[in-house]
C-alpha atoms as a PDB file:
ATOM      1  CA  MET A   1     -45.056  20.064   8.816  1.00  0.00           C
ATOM      2  CA  LEU A   2     -45.646  19.533   5.100  1.00  0.00           C
ATOM      3  CA  GLY A   3     -42.468  21.475   4.372  1.00  0.00           C
ATOM      4  CA  ILE A   4     -40.453  19.288   6.741  1.00  0.00           C
ATOM      5  CA  VAL A   5     -41.827  16.077   5.225  1.00  0.00           C
ATOM      6  CA  THR A   6     -41.082  17.368   1.730  1.00  0.00           C
ATOM      7  CA  ALA A   7     -37.532  18.331   2.749  1.00  0.00           C
ATOM      8  CA  GLY A   8     -37.104  14.870   4.259  1.00  0.00           C
ATOM      9  CA  ILE A   9     -38.283  13.014   1.167  1.00  0.00           C
ATOM     10  CA  ALA A  10     -36.794  15.152  -1.625  1.00  0.00           C
ATOM     11  CA  PRO A  11     -33.084  14.208  -1.313  1.00  0.00           C
ATOM     12  CA  GLY A  12     -33.820  10.478  -1.367  1.00  0.00           C
ATOM     13  CA  LEU A  13     -36.079  10.717  -4.400  1.00  0.00           C
ATOM     14  CA  ALA A  14     -33.568  12.923  -6.233  1.00  0.00           C
ATOM     15  CA  LEU A  15     -30.707  10.477  -5.651  1.00  0.00           C
ATOM     16  CA  LEU A  16     -32.858   7.475  -6.558  1.00  0.00           C
ATOM     17  CA  SER A  17     -33.912   9.184  -9.797  1.00  0.00           C
ATOM     18  CA  TYR A  18     -30.267   9.828 -10.634  1.00  0.00           C
ATOM     19  CA  PHE A  19     -29.223   6.187 -10.275  1.00  0.00           C
ATOM     20  CA  TYR A  20     -32.420   4.936 -11.914  1.00  0.00           C
ATOM     21  CA  LEU A  21     -31.907   7.094 -15.019  1.00  0.00           C
ATOM     22  CA  LYS A  22     -28.324   5.866 -15.379  1.00  0.00           C
ATOM     23  CA  ASP A  23     -29.702   2.513 -16.564  1.00  0.00           C
ATOM     24  CA  HIS A  24     -29.085   2.547 -20.326  1.00  0.00           C
ATOM     25  CA  TYR A  25     -31.008  -0.632 -21.097  1.00  0.00           C
ATOM     26  CA  GLU A  26     -34.409  -1.812 -19.889  1.00  0.00           C
ATOM     27  CA  SER A  27     -35.447   0.400 -16.992  1.00  0.00           C
ATOM     28  CA  GLU A  28     -36.614  -1.477 -13.933  1.00  0.00           C
ATOM     29  CA  PRO A  29     -40.390  -1.668 -13.392  1.00  0.00           C
ATOM     30  CA  PHE A  30     -41.475   1.303 -11.304  1.00  0.00           C
ATOM     31  CA  SER A  31     -43.630  -0.977  -9.147  1.00  0.00           C
ATOM     32  CA  MET A  32     -40.621  -3.145  -8.230  1.00  0.00           C
ATOM     33  CA  VAL A  33     -38.376  -0.168  -7.479  1.00  0.00           C
ATOM     34  CA  PHE A  34     -41.119   1.432  -5.366  1.00  0.00           C
ATOM     35  CA  LYS A  35     -41.691  -1.824  -3.472  1.00  0.00           C
ATOM     36  CA  THR A  36     -37.979  -2.059  -2.689  1.00  0.00           C
ATOM     37  CA  PHE A  37     -37.972   1.589  -1.572  1.00  0.00           C
ATOM     38  CA  LEU A  38     -40.989   0.901   0.657  1.00  0.00           C
ATOM     39  CA  PHE A  39     -39.347  -2.171   2.209  1.00  0.00           C
ATOM     40  CA  GLY A  40     -36.324  -0.024   3.012  1.00  0.00           C
ATOM     41  CA  ALA A  41     -38.535   2.595   4.648  1.00  0.00           C
ATOM     42  CA  LEU A  42     -40.310  -0.024   6.765  1.00  0.00           C
ATOM     43  CA  LEU A  43     -36.962  -1.383   7.973  1.00  0.00           C
ATOM     44  CA  VAL A  44     -36.553   1.767  10.050  1.00  0.00           C
ATOM     45  CA  PHE A  45     -39.087   0.547  12.620  1.00  0.00           C
ATOM     46  CA  PRO A  46     -37.568  -2.832  13.642  1.00  0.00           C
ATOM     47  CA  ILE A  47     -34.039  -1.416  13.446  1.00  0.00           C
ATOM     48  CA  MET A  48     -34.917   1.582  15.627  1.00  0.00           C
ATOM     49  CA  PHE A  49     -36.517  -0.786  18.139  1.00  0.00           C
ATOM     50  CA  ILE A  50     -33.463  -3.064  18.273  1.00  0.00           C
ATOM     51  CA  GLN A  51     -31.114  -0.088  18.610  1.00  0.00           C
ATOM     52  CA  TYR A  52     -33.299   1.363  21.370  1.00  0.00           C
ATOM     53  CA  VAL A  53     -33.178  -1.918  23.298  1.00  0.00           C
ATOM     54  CA  LEU A  54     -29.397  -2.168  22.895  1.00  0.00           C
ATOM     55  CA  GLU A  55     -29.002   1.372  24.223  1.00  0.00           C
ATOM     56  CA  ALA A  56     -31.610   1.148  27.000  1.00  0.00           C
ATOM     57  CA  GLU A  57     -30.230  -2.126  28.336  1.00  0.00           C
ATOM     58  CA  ASN A  58     -26.668  -0.807  28.049  1.00  0.00           C
ATOM     59  CA  ILE A  59     -25.703  -3.960  26.143  1.00  0.00           C
ATOM     60  CA  ILE A  60     -23.071  -2.265  23.990  1.00  0.00           C
ATOM     61  CA  GLN A  61     -20.591  -0.018  25.793  1.00  0.00           C
ATOM     62  CA  SER A  62     -17.895   0.438  23.169  1.00  0.00           C
ATOM     63  CA  ASP A  63     -17.925   3.177  20.541  1.00  0.00           C
ATOM     64  CA  ILE A  64     -16.374   0.927  17.922  1.00  0.00           C
ATOM     65  CA  VAL A  65     -18.954  -1.825  18.538  1.00  0.00           C
ATOM     66  CA  THR A  66     -21.745   0.753  18.438  1.00  0.00           C
ATOM     67  CA  ALA A  67     -20.490   2.111  15.109  1.00  0.00           C
ATOM     68  CA  PHE A  68     -19.736  -1.169  13.363  1.00  0.00           C
ATOM     69  CA  VAL A  69     -22.296  -3.556  14.911  1.00  0.00           C
ATOM     70  CA  ALA A  70     -25.296  -1.674  16.342  1.00  0.00           C
ATOM     71  CA  SER A  71     -25.398   0.622  13.344  1.00  0.00           C
ATOM     72  CA  GLY A  72     -23.257  -0.597  10.432  1.00  0.00           C
ATOM     73  CA  LEU A  73     -23.888  -4.335  10.592  1.00  0.00           C
ATOM     74  CA  LEU A  74     -27.479  -4.115  11.800  1.00  0.00           C
ATOM     75  CA  GLU A  75     -28.662  -1.670   9.138  1.00  0.00           C
ATOM     76  CA  GLU A  76     -26.678  -3.061   6.215  1.00  0.00           C
ATOM     77  CA  PHE A  77     -27.595  -6.670   7.021  1.00  0.00           C
ATOM     78  CA  PHE A  78     -31.320  -5.939   6.975  1.00  0.00           C
ATOM     79  CA  LYS A  79     -30.995  -4.072   3.672  1.00  0.00           C
ATOM     80  CA  TRP A  80     -28.899  -6.913   2.234  1.00  0.00           C
ATOM     81  CA  PHE A  81     -31.427  -9.472   3.490  1.00  0.00           C
ATOM     82  CA  ILE A  82     -34.333  -7.648   1.827  1.00  0.00           C
ATOM     83  CA  LEU A  83     -32.506  -7.464  -1.510  1.00  0.00           C
ATOM     84  CA  PHE A  84     -31.306 -11.052  -1.422  1.00  0.00           C
ATOM     85  CA  TYR A  85     -34.723 -12.570  -0.704  1.00  0.00           C
ATOM     86  CA  THR A  86     -36.981 -10.241  -2.687  1.00  0.00           C
ATOM     87  CA  VAL A  87     -34.899  -9.046  -5.648  1.00  0.00           C
ATOM     88  CA  PHE A  88     -31.840 -11.239  -6.240  1.00  0.00           C
ATOM     89  CA  GLN A  89     -33.796 -14.128  -7.806  1.00  0.00           C
ATOM     90  CA  HIS A  90     -36.490 -11.955  -9.367  1.00  0.00           C
ATOM     91  CA  VAL A  91     -36.837 -11.937 -13.151  1.00  0.00           C
ATOM     92  CA  THR A  92     -36.547  -8.138 -13.257  1.00  0.00           C
ATOM     93  CA  PHE A  93     -32.964  -8.417 -11.989  1.00  0.00           C
ATOM     94  CA  ASP A  94     -31.702  -9.266 -15.470  1.00  0.00           C
ATOM     95  CA  GLU A  95     -28.462  -7.265 -15.846  1.00  0.00           C
ATOM     96  CA  PRO A  96     -25.587  -6.271 -13.509  1.00  0.00           C
ATOM     97  CA  TYR A  97     -26.588  -2.589 -13.292  1.00  0.00           C
ATOM     98  CA  ASP A  98     -29.958  -3.549 -11.805  1.00  0.00           C
ATOM     99  CA  GLY A  99     -28.169  -4.236  -8.533  1.00  0.00           C
ATOM    100  CA  ILE A 100     -27.245  -0.542  -8.373  1.00  0.00           C
ATOM    101  CA  VAL A 101     -30.884   0.509  -8.820  1.00  0.00           C
ATOM    102  CA  TYR A 102     -32.274  -1.866  -6.213  1.00  0.00           C
ATOM    103  CA  GLY A 103     -29.419  -1.295  -3.764  1.00  0.00           C
ATOM    104  CA  ALA A 104     -29.923   2.461  -3.961  1.00  0.00           C
ATOM    105  CA  SER A 105     -33.687   2.012  -3.702  1.00  0.00           C
ATOM    106  CA  VAL A 106     -33.738  -0.015  -0.479  1.00  0.00           C
ATOM    107  CA  SER A 107     -31.059   2.175   1.118  1.00  0.00           C
ATOM    108  CA  LEU A 108     -32.771   5.416   0.161  1.00  0.00           C
ATOM    109  CA  GLY A 109     -36.104   4.112   1.414  1.00  0.00           C
ATOM    110  CA  PHE A 110     -34.450   3.569   4.794  1.00  0.00           C
ATOM    111  CA  ALA A 111     -32.598   6.895   4.690  1.00  0.00           C
ATOM    112  CA  THR A 112     -35.702   8.834   3.659  1.00  0.00           C
ATOM    113  CA  MET A 113     -37.883   7.520   6.478  1.00  0.00           C
ATOM    114  CA  GLU A 114     -35.076   8.072   8.981  1.00  0.00           C
ATOM    115  CA  ASN A 115     -34.571  11.585   7.614  1.00  0.00           C
ATOM    116  CA  VAL A 116     -38.245  12.499   7.943  1.00  0.00           C
ATOM    117  CA  PHE A 117     -38.308  11.366  11.582  1.00  0.00           C
ATOM    118  CA  TYR A 118     -35.117  13.280  12.343  1.00  0.00           C
ATOM    119  CA  LEU A 119     -36.358  16.526  10.789  1.00  0.00           C
ATOM    120  CA  LEU A 120     -39.739  16.228  12.530  1.00  0.00           C
ATOM    121  CA  GLY A 121     -37.934  15.919  15.842  1.00  0.00           C
ATOM    122  CA  ASN A 122     -35.179  18.474  15.319  1.00  0.00           C
ATOM    123  CA  GLY A 123     -36.319  20.998  12.730  1.00  0.00           C
ATOM    124  CA  MET A 124     -35.857  22.138   9.154  1.00  0.00           C
ATOM    125  CA  GLU A 125     -32.448  23.732   9.818  1.00  0.00           C
ATOM    126  CA  TYR A 126     -30.837  20.290   9.639  1.00  0.00           C
ATOM    127  CA  ALA A 127     -32.270  19.447   6.205  1.00  0.00           C
ATOM    128  CA  LEU A 128     -29.223  20.402   4.121  1.00  0.00           C
ATOM    129  CA  GLY A 129     -26.714  18.672   6.367  1.00  0.00           C
ATOM    130  CA  ARG A 130     -28.846  15.539   6.475  1.00  0.00           C
ATOM    131  CA  ALA A 131     -29.123  15.497   2.683  1.00  0.00           C
ATOM    132  CA  LEU A 132     -25.361  15.857   2.218  1.00  0.00           C
ATOM    133  CA  LEU A 133     -24.322  13.311   4.823  1.00  0.00           C
ATOM    134  CA  PRO A 134     -26.725  10.579   6.068  1.00  0.00           C
ATOM    135  CA  VAL A 135     -28.975  10.413   3.001  1.00  0.00           C
ATOM    136  CA  SER A 136     -26.200  10.458   0.410  1.00  0.00           C
ATOM    137  CA  SER A 137     -24.006   8.068   2.411  1.00  0.00           C
ATOM    138  CA  HIS A 138     -26.864   5.552   2.671  1.00  0.00           C
ATOM    139  CA  ALA A 139     -27.379   5.853  -1.077  1.00  0.00           C
ATOM    140  CA  LEU A 140     -23.722   5.086  -1.726  1.00  0.00           C
ATOM    141  CA  PHE A 141     -23.661   2.168   0.719  1.00  0.00           C
ATOM    142  CA  GLY A 142     -26.622   0.795  -1.249  1.00  0.00           C
ATOM    143  CA  VAL A 143     -24.900   1.358  -4.590  1.00  0.00           C
ATOM    144  CA  ILE A 144     -21.862  -0.608  -3.432  1.00  0.00           C
ATOM    145  CA  LEU A 145     -24.066  -3.354  -1.956  1.00  0.00           C
ATOM    146  CA  GLY A 146     -26.000  -3.569  -5.222  1.00  0.00           C
ATOM    147  CA  TYR A 147     -22.870  -3.600  -7.378  1.00  0.00           C
ATOM    148  CA  TYR A 148     -21.577  -6.732  -5.666  1.00  0.00           C
ATOM    149  CA  LEU A 149     -25.002  -8.369  -5.787  1.00  0.00           C
ATOM    150  CA  GLY A 150     -24.915  -7.814  -9.544  1.00  0.00           C
ATOM    151  CA  LYS A 151     -21.468  -9.402  -9.669  1.00  0.00           C
ATOM    152  CA  ALA A 152     -22.775 -12.340  -7.626  1.00  0.00           C
ATOM    153  CA  LYS A 153     -25.679 -12.969  -9.969  1.00  0.00           C
ATOM    154  CA  PHE A 154     -23.904 -12.561 -13.293  1.00  0.00           C
ATOM    155  CA  THR A 155     -20.345 -13.801 -12.620  1.00  0.00           C
ATOM    156  CA  PRO A 156     -20.162 -17.585 -13.120  1.00  0.00           C
ATOM    157  CA  GLY A 157     -18.645 -19.685 -10.364  1.00  0.00           C
ATOM    158  CA  THR A 158     -17.905 -17.005  -7.742  1.00  0.00           C
ATOM    159  CA  LYS A 159     -21.355 -16.274  -6.329  1.00  0.00           C
ATOM    160  CA  TRP A 160     -20.577 -16.575  -2.617  1.00  0.00           C
ATOM    161  CA  ARG A 161     -17.430 -14.474  -2.792  1.00  0.00           C
ATOM    162  CA  TRP A 162     -19.355 -11.520  -4.216  1.00  0.00           C
ATOM    163  CA  LEU A 163     -22.288 -12.068  -1.847  1.00  0.00           C
ATOM    164  CA  VAL A 164     -19.941 -11.818   1.139  1.00  0.00           C
ATOM    165  CA  LEU A 165     -18.390  -8.639  -0.251  1.00  0.00           C
ATOM    166  CA  SER A 166     -21.857  -7.185  -0.919  1.00  0.00           C
ATOM    167  CA  LEU A 167     -22.434  -7.193   2.845  1.00  0.00           C
ATOM    168  CA  LEU A 168     -18.914  -6.827   4.235  1.00  0.00           C
ATOM    169  CA  ILE A 169     -17.823  -3.702   2.326  1.00  0.00           C
ATOM    170  CA  PRO A 170     -20.977  -1.617   3.072  1.00  0.00           C
ATOM    171  CA  VAL A 171     -20.756  -2.649   6.752  1.00  0.00           C
ATOM    172  CA  CYS A 172     -17.126  -1.496   6.953  1.00  0.00           C
ATOM    173  CA  LEU A 173     -17.875   1.798   5.195  1.00  0.00           C
ATOM    174  CA  HIS A 174     -21.002   2.437   7.265  1.00  0.00           C
ATOM    175  CA  GLY A 175     -19.160   1.596  10.470  1.00  0.00           C
ATOM    176  CA  THR A 176     -16.324   3.954   9.563  1.00  0.00           C
ATOM    177  CA  TYR A 177     -18.812   6.742   8.819  1.00  0.00           C
ATOM    178  CA  ASN A 178     -20.488   6.334  12.216  1.00  0.00           C
ATOM    179  CA  TYR A 179     -17.206   5.919  14.094  1.00  0.00           C
ATOM    180  CA  ILE A 180     -16.015   9.277  12.748  1.00  0.00           C
ATOM    181  CA  LEU A 181     -19.261  10.925  13.882  1.00  0.00           C
ATOM    182  CA  ILE A 182     -19.400   9.516  17.403  1.00  0.00           C
ATOM    183  CA  THR A 183     -15.750   9.618  18.431  1.00  0.00           C
ATOM    184  CA  LEU A 184     -14.327  12.863  17.050  1.00  0.00           C
ATOM    185  CA  GLU A 185     -15.205  16.357  18.253  1.00  0.00           C
ATOM    186  CA  GLN A 186     -13.842  17.815  15.012  1.00  0.00           C
ATOM    187  CA  TRP A 187     -15.484  15.086  12.944  1.00  0.00           C
ATOM    188  CA  ILE A 188     -15.907  17.312   9.884  1.00  0.00           C
ATOM    189  CA  ILE A 189     -12.111  17.227   9.313  1.00  0.00           C
ATOM    190  CA  LEU A 190     -12.242  13.516   8.492  1.00  0.00           C
ATOM    191  CA  MET A 191     -15.815  13.384   7.240  1.00  0.00           C
ATOM    192  CA  VAL A 192     -15.201  15.608   4.210  1.00  0.00           C
ATOM    193  CA  PRO A 193     -12.403  13.443   2.728  1.00  0.00           C
ATOM    194  CA  PHE A 194     -14.314  10.296   3.675  1.00  0.00           C
ATOM    195  CA  MET A 195     -17.428  11.481   1.799  1.00  0.00           C
ATOM    196  CA  ILE A 196     -15.312  12.471  -1.213  1.00  0.00           C
ATOM    197  CA  PHE A 197     -13.824   8.975  -1.201  1.00  0.00           C
ATOM    198  CA  LEU A 198     -17.273   7.422  -0.793  1.00  0.00           C
ATOM    199  CA  TRP A 199     -18.670   9.353  -3.768  1.00  0.00           C
ATOM    200  CA  TRP A 200     -15.624   8.440  -5.849  1.00  0.00           C
ATOM    201  CA  LEU A 201     -16.034   4.758  -4.934  1.00  0.00           C
ATOM    202  CA  GLY A 202     -19.795   4.737  -5.500  1.00  0.00           C
ATOM    203  CA  LEU A 203     -19.622   6.436  -8.897  1.00  0.00           C
ATOM    204  CA  ARG A 204     -16.785   4.116  -9.902  1.00  0.00           C
ATOM    205  CA  LYS A 205     -19.026   1.139  -9.100  1.00  0.00           C
ATOM    206  CA  VAL A 206     -21.824   2.719 -11.159  1.00  0.00           C
ATOM    207  CA  LYS A 207     -19.462   3.031 -14.129  1.00  0.00           C
ATOM    208  CA  LYS A 208     -18.188  -0.537 -13.741  1.00  0.00           C
ATOM    209  CA  ALA A 209     -21.737  -1.888 -13.415  1.00  0.00           C
ATOM    210  CA  ARG A 210     -22.695  -0.175 -16.673  1.00  0.00           C
ATOM    211  CA  ILE A 211     -19.675  -1.758 -18.381  1.00  0.00           C
ATOM    212  CA  LEU A 212     -20.698  -5.163 -17.030  1.00  0.00           C
ATOM    213  CA  SER A 213     -24.224  -4.615 -18.349  1.00  0.00           C
ATOM    214  CA  ASP A 214     -22.805  -3.696 -21.777  1.00  0.00           C
ATOM    215  CA  LYS A 215     -20.824  -6.951 -21.836  1.00  0.00           C
ATOM    216  CA  HIS A 216     -23.845  -8.889 -20.597  1.00  0.00           C
ATOM    217  CA  TYR A 217     -26.033  -7.652 -23.445  1.00  0.00           C
ATOM    218  CA  GLU A 218     -23.268  -8.210 -25.993  1.00  0.00           C
ATOM    219  CA  GLN A 219     -22.941 -11.820 -24.862  1.00  0.00           C
ATOM    220  CA  GLN A 220     -26.694 -12.278 -25.064  1.00  0.00           C
ATOM    221  CA  MET A 221     -26.762 -10.821 -28.558  1.00  0.00           C
ATOM    222  CA  PHE A 222     -24.018 -13.093 -29.887  1.00  0.00           C
ATOM    223  CA  SER A 223     -25.402 -16.174 -28.141  1.00  0.00           C
ATOM    224  CA  LYS A 224     -28.751 -15.894 -29.930  1.00  0.00           C
ATOM    225  CA  PRO A 225     -29.062 -18.114 -33.021  1.00  0.00           C
ATOM    226  CA  PHE A 226     -29.199 -16.339 -36.352  1.00  0.00           C
ATOM    227  CA  ILE A 227     -32.490 -16.700 -38.177  1.00  0.00           C
ATOM    228  CA  ILE A 228     -32.210 -16.872 -41.951  1.00  0.00           C
ATOM    229  CA  GLU A 229     -35.261 -15.459 -43.632  1.00  0.00           C
ATOM    230  CA  LYS A 230     -36.486 -17.268 -46.705  1.00  0.00           C
END
């Protein structure tokens, strides 16, 4: 059992460490990142309950609604909600790249808890596939969510546009991911190019967020008054 739990946790922590160490300026407080990760993990319980009710009561009968609403919208909205109300206004969110760290953290908290439950129920043989697909896809959905939250906080005058995109784009990507899984027998044929695209998009957002953080710190540096020493 210890081996299964370790296999369930390791991919999430490895991916979170990767995105965390990409921050070239002030690293986020470990306590805040851990709290966000923990909130993401705890989200699994209410979301699993809601999804169970939707399935048990046969409320949703369409594959596309299941993929984009019962999974994509439900999961991404709760993650977005947690970030918006616990991190977005927090003083530690002080540069655009921070959105990447917190977005990855809440998503990987969710993915890690979900992964542990899945491996406990189905066995260690699924560990590699789970790490390559659900865990990494959740991380990238979180990266994209966090990128647009960073844009919302640090781009003057267009806050609501970026906030809408921070939810809408991850929902569409997550829904597409699930739709491929649940509707195609040969799902791997489309999943491989989709995951390549998702990694390309996520890493592109990481690069752009770092550029935005560079500009942010440059502006701060030049806006500070010069002090002439006597």
